[in-house]
Amino acid sequence: MMRTLILLLLSPALLLAQAKKPLDKKKSTITYSMNHVLHAWDAVSSEVNGVVQLKADGNIEKVAIVAKISSFDSKSSNRDAHTLEVTEALKFPNISFVSTGITESKNGELDVRGTLQFHGISKETSFKATAKNVNGSTQVTGGFIFLLEDFKVTRPSFMLKQVDNEVKIKFEVFY
């Protein structure tokens, strides 16, 4: 009888429990895009790690994502090696994002706020994203822009011209 009473009292708490889901590492990607006066390029990481914490109603409550700087591939080994140098990837190997607030509307649009950590510096950022169901998984896509100077990264030069200060981030993550 006492066991049944305890179970009944705990049942609402169990129903309200939050679920944590890891990102699907086989499908999730982060892409950065940069420009130079002579060319533009993208670099993709398919080695994205992270976890999504869901509210009892299934909406996203929190997210934490990390990728190694060395995992980004721009299809140019020289460019990728130089990226590792200027970002001091041995000292600061990761780029990460941890949400501090997510507001979800009924149509799957997300207003996301959180902390981006890169090159040993943490900065608050916000952006829009979209969540939708795709073949039994949830796909979240979005993007934002940050400036290299905000993270004290020296802008690389090629033919005496520096790359643009803007880094455009796009992501497609599944859980």
C-alpha atoms as a PDB file:
ATOM      1  CA  MET A   1       0.000   0.000   0.000  1.00  0.00           C
ATOM      2  CA  MET A   2       2.752   2.462   0.938  1.00  0.00           C
ATOM      3  CA  ARG A   3       4.671   1.543  -2.237  1.00  0.00           C
ATOM      4  CA  THR A   4       1.570   2.251  -4.345  1.00  0.00           C
ATOM      5  CA  LEU A   5       1.068   5.607  -2.638  1.00  0.00           C
ATOM      6  CA  ILE A   6       4.693   6.607  -3.239  1.00  0.00           C
ATOM      7  CA  LEU A   7       4.399   5.589  -6.905  1.00  0.00           C
ATOM      8  CA  LEU A   8       1.204   7.617  -7.285  1.00  0.00           C
ATOM      9  CA  LEU A   9       2.850  10.652  -5.713  1.00  0.00           C
ATOM     10  CA  LEU A  10       5.906  10.324  -7.940  1.00  0.00           C
ATOM     11  CA  SER A  11       3.969   9.742 -11.186  1.00  0.00           C
ATOM     12  CA  PRO A  12       3.325  13.447 -11.923  1.00  0.00           C
ATOM     13  CA  ALA A  13       7.012  14.168 -11.347  1.00  0.00           C
ATOM     14  CA  LEU A  14       7.956  11.405 -13.781  1.00  0.00           C
ATOM     15  CA  LEU A  15       5.570  12.778 -16.396  1.00  0.00           C
ATOM     16  CA  LEU A  16       7.173  16.206 -16.083  1.00  0.00           C
ATOM     17  CA  ALA A  17      10.693  14.803 -16.280  1.00  0.00           C
ATOM     18  CA  GLN A  18      12.893  16.280 -18.971  1.00  0.00           C
ATOM     19  CA  ALA A  19      14.349  14.133 -21.707  1.00  0.00           C
ATOM     20  CA  LYS A  20      17.900  14.587 -22.944  1.00  0.00           C
ATOM     21  CA  LYS A  21      18.632  13.491 -26.493  1.00  0.00           C
ATOM     22  CA  PRO A  22      22.057  13.344 -28.107  1.00  0.00           C
ATOM     23  CA  LEU A  23      22.569  14.835 -31.551  1.00  0.00           C
ATOM     24  CA  ASP A  24      22.624  12.364 -34.419  1.00  0.00           C
ATOM     25  CA  LYS A  25      26.333  12.466 -35.264  1.00  0.00           C
ATOM     26  CA  LYS A  26      25.797  10.793 -38.631  1.00  0.00           C
ATOM     27  CA  LYS A  27      23.519  13.538 -39.959  1.00  0.00           C
ATOM     28  CA  SER A  28      24.417  16.752 -38.074  1.00  0.00           C
ATOM     29  CA  THR A  29      26.721  19.368 -39.632  1.00  0.00           C
ATOM     30  CA  ILE A  30      28.058  22.847 -38.963  1.00  0.00           C
ATOM     31  CA  THR A  31      29.370  24.983 -41.829  1.00  0.00           C
ATOM     32  CA  TYR A  32      31.333  28.205 -41.679  1.00  0.00           C
ATOM     33  CA  SER A  33      31.611  30.535 -44.673  1.00  0.00           C
ATOM     34  CA  MET A  34      34.225  33.227 -45.190  1.00  0.00           C
ATOM     35  CA  ASN A  35      35.205  35.668 -47.907  1.00  0.00           C
ATOM     36  CA  HIS A  36      38.372  37.112 -49.302  1.00  0.00           C
ATOM     37  CA  VAL A  37      38.561  39.681 -52.081  1.00  0.00           C
ATOM     38  CA  LEU A  38      39.706  36.901 -54.448  1.00  0.00           C
ATOM     39  CA  HIS A  39      37.448  34.034 -53.351  1.00  0.00           C
ATOM     40  CA  ALA A  40      34.883  32.718 -50.899  1.00  0.00           C
ATOM     41  CA  TRP A  41      34.791  29.310 -49.245  1.00  0.00           C
ATOM     42  CA  ASP A  42      32.840  27.044 -46.940  1.00  0.00           C
ATOM     43  CA  ALA A  43      34.221  24.565 -44.433  1.00  0.00           C
ATOM     44  CA  VAL A  44      32.049  21.777 -43.031  1.00  0.00           C
ATOM     45  CA  SER A  45      32.296  19.763 -39.849  1.00  0.00           C
ATOM     46  CA  SER A  46      30.429  16.479 -39.744  1.00  0.00           C
ATOM     47  CA  GLU A  47      31.831  15.744 -36.283  1.00  0.00           C
ATOM     48  CA  VAL A  48      29.259  17.626 -34.242  1.00  0.00           C
ATOM     49  CA  ASN A  49      28.599  16.554 -30.656  1.00  0.00           C
ATOM     50  CA  GLY A  50      25.785  17.811 -28.515  1.00  0.00           C
ATOM     51  CA  VAL A  51      22.689  17.221 -26.484  1.00  0.00           C
ATOM     52  CA  VAL A  52      19.177  18.646 -26.575  1.00  0.00           C
ATOM     53  CA  GLN A  53      17.121  18.860 -23.404  1.00  0.00           C
ATOM     54  CA  LEU A  54      13.381  18.687 -24.031  1.00  0.00           C
ATOM     55  CA  LYS A  55      10.549  19.956 -21.882  1.00  0.00           C
ATOM     56  CA  ALA A  56       7.721  17.607 -20.943  1.00  0.00           C
ATOM     57  CA  ASP A  57       5.690  18.956 -23.889  1.00  0.00           C
ATOM     58  CA  GLY A  58       8.484  17.994 -26.316  1.00  0.00           C
ATOM     59  CA  ASN A  59       9.658  21.557 -26.983  1.00  0.00           C
ATOM     60  CA  ILE A  60      13.363  22.311 -26.793  1.00  0.00           C
ATOM     61  CA  GLU A  61      14.436  23.730 -23.442  1.00  0.00           C
ATOM     62  CA  LYS A  62      18.233  23.786 -23.769  1.00  0.00           C
ATOM     63  CA  VAL A  63      20.924  22.782 -26.214  1.00  0.00           C
ATOM     64  CA  ALA A  64      24.686  22.354 -25.995  1.00  0.00           C
ATOM     65  CA  ILE A  65      26.806  21.797 -29.113  1.00  0.00           C
ATOM     66  CA  VAL A  66      30.546  21.452 -29.652  1.00  0.00           C
ATOM     67  CA  ALA A  67      32.813  20.839 -32.660  1.00  0.00           C
ATOM     68  CA  LYS A  68      36.571  20.592 -32.907  1.00  0.00           C
ATOM     69  CA  ILE A  69      38.188  23.316 -35.014  1.00  0.00           C
ATOM     70  CA  SER A  70      40.282  20.591 -36.651  1.00  0.00           C
ATOM     71  CA  SER A  71      37.125  18.821 -37.884  1.00  0.00           C
ATOM     72  CA  PHE A  72      36.220  21.580 -40.378  1.00  0.00           C
ATOM     73  CA  ASP A  73      37.087  20.739 -43.987  1.00  0.00           C
ATOM     74  CA  SER A  74      37.290  23.524 -46.588  1.00  0.00           C
ATOM     75  CA  LYS A  75      38.638  21.207 -49.312  1.00  0.00           C
ATOM     76  CA  SER A  76      42.009  22.966 -49.047  1.00  0.00           C
ATOM     77  CA  SER A  77      44.518  21.380 -46.671  1.00  0.00           C
ATOM     78  CA  ASN A  78      46.677  24.547 -46.734  1.00  0.00           C
ATOM     79  CA  ARG A  79      43.715  26.746 -45.764  1.00  0.00           C
ATOM     80  CA  ASP A  80      42.652  24.307 -43.041  1.00  0.00           C
ATOM     81  CA  ALA A  81      46.184  24.164 -41.627  1.00  0.00           C
ATOM     82  CA  HIS A  82      46.358  27.971 -41.583  1.00  0.00           C
ATOM     83  CA  THR A  83      42.962  28.090 -39.846  1.00  0.00           C
ATOM     84  CA  LEU A  84      44.353  25.854 -37.112  1.00  0.00           C
ATOM     85  CA  GLU A  85      47.281  28.261 -36.719  1.00  0.00           C
ATOM     86  CA  VAL A  86      45.322  31.531 -36.537  1.00  0.00           C
ATOM     87  CA  THR A  87      42.680  30.077 -34.209  1.00  0.00           C
ATOM     88  CA  GLU A  88      45.373  28.539 -31.994  1.00  0.00           C
ATOM     89  CA  ALA A  89      43.514  25.234 -32.194  1.00  0.00           C
ATOM     90  CA  LEU A  90      46.083  23.427 -30.038  1.00  0.00           C
ATOM     91  CA  LYS A  91      45.342  25.843 -27.202  1.00  0.00           C
ATOM     92  CA  PHE A  92      41.613  26.347 -28.015  1.00  0.00           C
ATOM     93  CA  PRO A  93      40.537  23.170 -29.821  1.00  0.00           C
ATOM     94  CA  ASN A  94      36.750  23.653 -29.822  1.00  0.00           C
ATOM     95  CA  ILE A  95      33.966  25.981 -30.798  1.00  0.00           C
ATOM     96  CA  SER A  96      30.857  25.543 -28.675  1.00  0.00           C
ATOM     97  CA  PHE A  97      27.402  26.947 -28.068  1.00  0.00           C
ATOM     98  CA  VAL A  98      25.248  26.581 -24.949  1.00  0.00           C
ATOM     99  CA  SER A  99      21.761  28.028 -24.936  1.00  0.00           C
ATOM    100  CA  THR A 100      20.515  30.276 -22.156  1.00  0.00           C
ATOM    101  CA  GLY A 101      16.989  30.607 -23.516  1.00  0.00           C
ATOM    102  CA  ILE A 102      14.882  29.168 -26.331  1.00  0.00           C
ATOM    103  CA  THR A 103      11.432  30.400 -27.273  1.00  0.00           C
ATOM    104  CA  GLU A 104       9.518  28.187 -29.675  1.00  0.00           C
ATOM    105  CA  SER A 105       6.466  29.249 -31.652  1.00  0.00           C
ATOM    106  CA  LYS A 106       3.810  26.847 -32.906  1.00  0.00           C
ATOM    107  CA  ASN A 107       5.186  26.769 -36.453  1.00  0.00           C
ATOM    108  CA  GLY A 108       8.609  25.482 -35.390  1.00  0.00           C
ATOM    109  CA  GLU A 109      10.434  28.809 -35.377  1.00  0.00           C
ATOM    110  CA  LEU A 110      12.923  29.191 -32.554  1.00  0.00           C
ATOM    111  CA  ASP A 111      14.369  32.331 -31.006  1.00  0.00           C
ATOM    112  CA  VAL A 112      17.627  31.132 -29.479  1.00  0.00           C
ATOM    113  CA  ARG A 113      19.884  32.962 -27.025  1.00  0.00           C
ATOM    114  CA  GLY A 114      23.105  31.611 -25.641  1.00  0.00           C
ATOM    115  CA  THR A 115      26.851  31.719 -25.263  1.00  0.00           C
ATOM    116  CA  LEU A 116      29.245  31.080 -28.131  1.00  0.00           C
ATOM    117  CA  GLN A 117      32.730  30.097 -26.999  1.00  0.00           C
ATOM    118  CA  PHE A 118      35.569  30.346 -29.496  1.00  0.00           C
ATOM    119  CA  HIS A 119      39.283  31.069 -29.204  1.00  0.00           C
ATOM    120  CA  GLY A 120      39.024  31.139 -25.408  1.00  0.00           C
ATOM    121  CA  ILE A 121      36.385  33.903 -25.398  1.00  0.00           C
ATOM    122  CA  SER A 122      32.692  33.613 -24.530  1.00  0.00           C
ATOM    123  CA  LYS A 123      30.167  35.948 -26.176  1.00  0.00           C
ATOM    124  CA  GLU A 124      26.413  36.180 -25.888  1.00  0.00           C
ATOM    125  CA  THR A 125      24.603  35.714 -29.189  1.00  0.00           C
ATOM    126  CA  SER A 126      21.086  35.221 -30.480  1.00  0.00           C
ATOM    127  CA  PHE A 127      19.663  33.849 -33.696  1.00  0.00           C
ATOM    128  CA  LYS A 128      16.636  32.275 -35.311  1.00  0.00           C
ATOM    129  CA  ALA A 129      16.321  28.598 -36.134  1.00  0.00           C
ATOM    130  CA  THR A 130      13.644  26.251 -37.447  1.00  0.00           C
ATOM    131  CA  ALA A 131      12.673  22.848 -36.080  1.00  0.00           C
ATOM    132  CA  LYS A 132      10.725  20.250 -38.053  1.00  0.00           C
ATOM    133  CA  ASN A 133      10.139  16.518 -38.036  1.00  0.00           C
ATOM    134  CA  VAL A 134      11.963  14.624 -40.782  1.00  0.00           C
ATOM    135  CA  ASN A 135      11.549  10.842 -41.027  1.00  0.00           C
ATOM    136  CA  GLY A 136      11.078  10.329 -37.285  1.00  0.00           C
ATOM    137  CA  SER A 137      13.868  12.721 -36.242  1.00  0.00           C
ATOM    138  CA  THR A 138      13.802  16.404 -35.419  1.00  0.00           C
ATOM    139  CA  GLN A 139      15.881  18.598 -37.730  1.00  0.00           C
ATOM    140  CA  VAL A 140      16.957  22.026 -36.493  1.00  0.00           C
ATOM    141  CA  THR A 141      18.453  24.451 -39.018  1.00  0.00           C
ATOM    142  CA  GLY A 142      19.648  28.001 -38.631  1.00  0.00           C
ATOM    143  CA  GLY A 143      22.596  30.302 -38.716  1.00  0.00           C
ATOM    144  CA  PHE A 144      24.245  33.405 -37.383  1.00  0.00           C
ATOM    145  CA  ILE A 145      27.232  35.658 -37.986  1.00  0.00           C
ATOM    146  CA  PHE A 146      30.125  36.485 -35.685  1.00  0.00           C
ATOM    147  CA  LEU A 147      33.187  38.672 -36.107  1.00  0.00           C
ATOM    148  CA  LEU A 148      36.738  37.341 -35.813  1.00  0.00           C
ATOM    149  CA  GLU A 149      37.798  40.521 -33.998  1.00  0.00           C
ATOM    150  CA  ASP A 150      35.211  39.845 -31.254  1.00  0.00           C
ATOM    151  CA  PHE A 151      37.129  36.651 -30.456  1.00  0.00           C
ATOM    152  CA  LYS A 152      40.584  38.215 -30.831  1.00  0.00           C
ATOM    153  CA  VAL A 153      41.453  36.120 -33.887  1.00  0.00           C
ATOM    154  CA  THR A 154      43.958  37.772 -36.211  1.00  0.00           C
ATOM    155  CA  ARG A 155      42.441  37.869 -39.673  1.00  0.00           C
ATOM    156  CA  PRO A 156      44.563  35.871 -42.108  1.00  0.00           C
ATOM    157  CA  SER A 157      45.918  37.583 -45.199  1.00  0.00           C
ATOM    158  CA  PHE A 158      46.378  36.373 -48.739  1.00  0.00           C
ATOM    159  CA  MET A 159      48.184  38.518 -51.347  1.00  0.00           C
ATOM    160  CA  LEU A 160      48.375  41.378 -48.815  1.00  0.00           C
ATOM    161  CA  LYS A 161      44.591  41.440 -48.321  1.00  0.00           C
ATOM    162  CA  GLN A 162      42.914  40.223 -45.127  1.00  0.00           C
ATOM    163  CA  VAL A 163      39.898  37.925 -45.151  1.00  0.00           C
ATOM    164  CA  ASP A 164      36.602  39.537 -44.199  1.00  0.00           C
ATOM    165  CA  ASN A 165      35.930  39.919 -40.493  1.00  0.00           C
ATOM    166  CA  GLU A 166      32.566  38.116 -40.729  1.00  0.00           C
ATOM    167  CA  VAL A 167      32.213  34.390 -40.214  1.00  0.00           C
ATOM    168  CA  LYS A 168      28.842  33.018 -41.281  1.00  0.00           C
ATOM    169  CA  ILE A 169      27.736  29.905 -39.427  1.00  0.00           C
ATOM    170  CA  LYS A 170      25.033  27.561 -40.729  1.00  0.00           C
ATOM    171  CA  PHE A 171      23.952  24.425 -38.946  1.00  0.00           C
ATOM    172  CA  GLU A 172      21.744  21.448 -39.556  1.00  0.00           C
ATOM    173  CA  VAL A 173      21.434  19.201 -36.530  1.00  0.00           C
ATOM    174  CA  PHE A 174      19.256  16.183 -35.931  1.00  0.00           C
ATOM    175  CA  TYR A 175      18.156  14.443 -32.757  1.00  0.00           C
END
